[in-house]
């Protein structure tokens, strides 16, 4: 299962969540504003920036603000 690092106020995050729900892609959400360790993981993945959504796939690869198409292609290729 992939993990999406997010914030409650992020419009891009809300959109990607809705799209993944509609596509039936399972995911876990971690709010970086309530988890300092998660925020640091996101910063490490994004050159010091707390950019969300940041998606981490089971194989450890990371995508920042991916489209549904990018997520679907990655999930499909891993299956």
N, C-alpha and C. Protein backbone atom coordinates (compact mmCIF):
# COMPACT_ATOMS: atom_id res chain seq x y z
N UNK A 1 0.85 -1.18 0.00
CA UNK A 1 0.00 0.00 0.00
C UNK A 1 0.89 1.24 0.00
N UNK A 2 0.49 2.24 -0.74
CA UNK A 2 1.27 3.48 -0.78
C UNK A 2 0.87 4.39 0.36
N UNK A 3 1.75 5.32 0.67
CA UNK A 3 1.50 6.30 1.72
C UNK A 3 1.53 7.69 1.10
N UNK A 4 0.51 8.48 1.40
CA UNK A 4 0.46 9.85 0.92
C UNK A 4 0.65 10.78 2.11
N UNK A 5 1.69 11.58 2.03
CA UNK A 5 1.96 12.59 3.04
C UNK A 5 1.22 13.85 2.62
N UNK A 6 0.48 14.44 3.57
CA UNK A 6 -0.51 15.44 3.23
C UNK A 6 -0.63 16.46 4.36
N UNK A 7 -1.48 17.45 4.14
CA UNK A 7 -1.95 18.36 5.19
C UNK A 7 -3.47 18.47 5.02
N UNK A 8 -4.13 18.92 6.06
CA UNK A 8 -5.59 19.03 6.02
C UNK A 8 -6.05 20.11 5.03
N UNK A 9 -5.23 21.12 4.79
CA UNK A 9 -5.64 22.26 3.98
C UNK A 9 -5.19 22.18 2.52
N UNK A 10 -4.44 21.18 2.15
CA UNK A 10 -3.85 21.09 0.81
C UNK A 10 -4.89 20.68 -0.24
N UNK A 11 -5.19 21.56 -1.16
CA UNK A 11 -6.14 21.27 -2.23
C UNK A 11 -5.67 20.18 -3.18
N UNK A 12 -4.38 20.18 -3.49
CA UNK A 12 -3.82 19.14 -4.36
C UNK A 12 -3.96 17.76 -3.70
N UNK A 13 -3.77 17.73 -2.38
CA UNK A 13 -3.90 16.48 -1.64
C UNK A 13 -5.34 15.98 -1.68
N UNK A 14 -6.27 16.89 -1.44
CA UNK A 14 -7.69 16.52 -1.46
C UNK A 14 -8.09 15.97 -2.83
N UNK A 15 -7.60 16.61 -3.88
CA UNK A 15 -7.92 16.15 -5.22
C UNK A 15 -7.35 14.76 -5.48
N UNK A 16 -6.09 14.54 -5.12
CA UNK A 16 -5.47 13.24 -5.37
C UNK A 16 -6.15 12.16 -4.53
N UNK A 17 -6.51 12.46 -3.29
CA UNK A 17 -7.23 11.49 -2.45
C UNK A 17 -8.54 11.09 -3.13
N UNK A 18 -9.30 12.08 -3.57
CA UNK A 18 -10.59 11.81 -4.22
C UNK A 18 -10.39 10.96 -5.47
N UNK A 19 -9.38 11.30 -6.27
CA UNK A 19 -9.12 10.54 -7.50
C UNK A 19 -8.70 9.10 -7.19
N UNK A 20 -7.86 8.92 -6.18
CA UNK A 20 -7.44 7.56 -5.83
C UNK A 20 -8.60 6.77 -5.24
N UNK A 21 -9.45 7.42 -4.47
CA UNK A 21 -10.66 6.76 -3.96
C UNK A 21 -11.52 6.28 -5.13
N UNK A 22 -11.76 7.18 -6.08
CA UNK A 22 -12.59 6.84 -7.25
C UNK A 22 -11.97 5.71 -8.07
N UNK A 23 -10.64 5.66 -8.12
CA UNK A 23 -9.94 4.64 -8.90
C UNK A 23 -9.76 3.33 -8.11
N UNK A 24 -10.11 3.34 -6.83
CA UNK A 24 -9.97 2.14 -6.02
C UNK A 24 -8.54 1.82 -5.62
N UNK A 25 -7.70 2.84 -5.56
CA UNK A 25 -6.29 2.65 -5.17
C UNK A 25 -6.19 2.82 -3.66
N UNK A 26 -5.80 1.77 -2.94
CA UNK A 26 -5.68 1.89 -1.48
C UNK A 26 -4.44 2.71 -1.10
N UNK A 27 -4.58 3.47 -0.02
CA UNK A 27 -3.47 4.29 0.45
C UNK A 27 -3.66 4.63 1.92
N UNK A 28 -2.58 5.01 2.53
CA UNK A 28 -2.59 5.51 3.90
C UNK A 28 -2.23 6.98 3.84
N UNK A 29 -2.86 7.79 4.67
CA UNK A 29 -2.56 9.22 4.72
C UNK A 29 -1.85 9.55 6.03
N UNK A 30 -0.79 10.33 5.92
CA UNK A 30 -0.08 10.81 7.09
C UNK A 30 -0.05 12.33 7.00
N UNK A 31 -0.59 13.00 8.03
CA UNK A 31 -0.62 14.46 8.09
C UNK A 31 0.71 14.95 8.64
N UNK A 32 1.48 15.64 7.82
CA UNK A 32 2.82 16.06 8.24
C UNK A 32 2.77 17.16 9.30
N UNK A 33 1.63 17.83 9.44
CA UNK A 33 1.54 18.87 10.46
C UNK A 33 1.36 18.29 11.86
N UNK A 34 0.96 17.05 11.95
CA UNK A 34 0.80 16.43 13.27
C UNK A 34 1.85 15.35 13.51
N UNK A 35 2.79 15.18 12.59
CA UNK A 35 3.83 14.16 12.72
C UNK A 35 5.17 14.74 12.25
N UNK A 36 5.99 15.25 13.19
CA UNK A 36 7.26 15.85 12.81
C UNK A 36 8.20 14.91 12.05
N UNK A 37 8.15 13.62 12.36
CA UNK A 37 8.99 12.65 11.65
C UNK A 37 8.57 12.56 10.19
N UNK A 38 7.26 12.58 9.96
CA UNK A 38 6.74 12.54 8.59
C UNK A 38 7.12 13.82 7.84
N UNK A 39 7.03 14.96 8.52
CA UNK A 39 7.42 16.21 7.87
C UNK A 39 8.88 16.16 7.45
N UNK A 40 9.74 15.62 8.30
CA UNK A 40 11.15 15.54 7.95
C UNK A 40 11.37 14.60 6.77
N UNK A 41 10.63 13.49 6.71
CA UNK A 41 10.73 12.57 5.58
C UNK A 41 10.38 13.30 4.28
N UNK A 42 9.31 14.10 4.33
CA UNK A 42 8.89 14.86 3.15
C UNK A 42 9.95 15.89 2.78
N UNK A 43 10.49 16.59 3.76
CA UNK A 43 11.55 17.57 3.49
C UNK A 43 12.78 16.91 2.88
N UNK A 44 13.14 15.75 3.40
CA UNK A 44 14.30 15.02 2.86
C UNK A 44 14.06 14.62 1.40
N UNK A 45 12.85 14.27 1.07
CA UNK A 45 12.52 13.85 -0.29
C UNK A 45 12.39 15.01 -1.26
N UNK A 46 12.23 16.23 -0.73
CA UNK A 46 11.93 17.38 -1.58
C UNK A 46 12.89 18.55 -1.37
N UNK A 47 14.16 18.23 -1.25
CA UNK A 47 15.20 19.27 -1.15
C UNK A 47 14.93 20.29 -0.06
N UNK A 48 14.43 19.82 1.10
CA UNK A 48 14.19 20.70 2.24
C UNK A 48 12.81 21.33 2.28
N UNK A 49 12.00 21.11 1.26
CA UNK A 49 10.66 21.69 1.22
C UNK A 49 9.62 20.70 1.72
N UNK A 50 8.62 21.22 2.43
CA UNK A 50 7.53 20.37 2.93
C UNK A 50 6.42 20.33 1.89
N UNK A 51 6.74 19.85 0.71
CA UNK A 51 5.81 19.84 -0.42
C UNK A 51 4.91 18.62 -0.34
N UNK A 52 3.60 18.88 -0.38
CA UNK A 52 2.61 17.81 -0.39
C UNK A 52 1.66 18.01 -1.55
N UNK A 53 1.06 16.94 -2.06
CA UNK A 53 1.22 15.58 -1.61
C UNK A 53 2.56 14.99 -2.05
N UNK A 54 3.16 14.26 -1.13
CA UNK A 54 4.32 13.44 -1.43
C UNK A 54 3.87 12.00 -1.24
N UNK A 55 4.04 11.19 -2.27
CA UNK A 55 3.56 9.81 -2.24
C UNK A 55 4.78 8.88 -2.21
N UNK A 56 4.77 7.96 -1.25
CA UNK A 56 5.83 6.96 -1.14
C UNK A 56 5.20 5.60 -1.45
N UNK A 57 5.80 4.92 -2.41
CA UNK A 57 5.30 3.62 -2.85
C UNK A 57 5.96 2.50 -2.06
N UNK A 58 5.37 1.31 -2.05
CA UNK A 58 5.93 0.19 -1.28
C UNK A 58 7.38 -0.13 -1.61
N UNK A 59 7.81 0.15 -2.84
CA UNK A 59 9.21 -0.12 -3.21
C UNK A 59 10.17 0.98 -2.77
N UNK A 60 9.63 2.02 -2.09
CA UNK A 60 10.46 3.10 -1.57
C UNK A 60 10.61 4.29 -2.49
N UNK A 61 10.10 4.20 -3.72
CA UNK A 61 10.18 5.36 -4.62
C UNK A 61 9.20 6.43 -4.16
N UNK A 62 9.52 7.67 -4.54
CA UNK A 62 8.76 8.82 -4.09
C UNK A 62 8.34 9.67 -5.29
N UNK A 63 7.11 10.17 -5.24
CA UNK A 63 6.63 11.14 -6.23
C UNK A 63 6.04 12.33 -5.47
N UNK A 64 6.35 13.52 -5.96
CA UNK A 64 5.81 14.73 -5.36
C UNK A 64 4.76 15.31 -6.28
N UNK A 65 3.58 15.54 -5.71
CA UNK A 65 2.42 16.07 -6.43
C UNK A 65 2.18 15.32 -7.74
N UNK A 66 2.08 13.99 -7.66
CA UNK A 66 1.87 13.23 -8.90
C UNK A 66 0.43 13.34 -9.39
N UNK A 67 0.26 13.08 -10.67
CA UNK A 67 -1.09 12.99 -11.23
C UNK A 67 -1.63 11.60 -10.93
N UNK A 68 -2.93 11.43 -11.06
CA UNK A 68 -3.52 10.11 -10.89
C UNK A 68 -2.92 9.14 -11.90
N UNK A 69 -2.67 9.61 -13.10
CA UNK A 69 -2.08 8.75 -14.13
C UNK A 69 -0.72 8.22 -13.69
N UNK A 70 0.12 9.09 -13.13
CA UNK A 70 1.43 8.66 -12.67
C UNK A 70 1.32 7.62 -11.56
N UNK A 71 0.40 7.84 -10.63
CA UNK A 71 0.20 6.90 -9.53
C UNK A 71 -0.31 5.57 -10.07
N UNK A 72 -1.29 5.63 -10.96
CA UNK A 72 -1.87 4.42 -11.53
C UNK A 72 -0.81 3.62 -12.28
N UNK A 73 0.00 4.30 -13.09
CA UNK A 73 1.05 3.61 -13.85
C UNK A 73 2.05 2.94 -12.90
N UNK A 74 2.42 3.63 -11.84
CA UNK A 74 3.38 3.08 -10.88
C UNK A 74 2.79 1.88 -10.15
N UNK A 75 1.54 1.99 -9.71
CA UNK A 75 0.89 0.91 -8.98
C UNK A 75 0.69 -0.30 -9.91
N UNK A 76 0.31 -0.05 -11.15
CA UNK A 76 0.07 -1.12 -12.12
C UNK A 76 1.37 -1.83 -12.47
N UNK A 77 2.46 -1.08 -12.63
CA UNK A 77 3.73 -1.69 -13.00
C UNK A 77 4.32 -2.52 -11.85
N UNK A 78 3.94 -2.20 -10.63
CA UNK A 78 4.44 -2.92 -9.47
C UNK A 78 3.67 -4.20 -9.21
N UNK A 79 2.49 -4.32 -9.81
CA UNK A 79 1.64 -5.48 -9.52
C UNK A 79 2.10 -6.72 -10.25
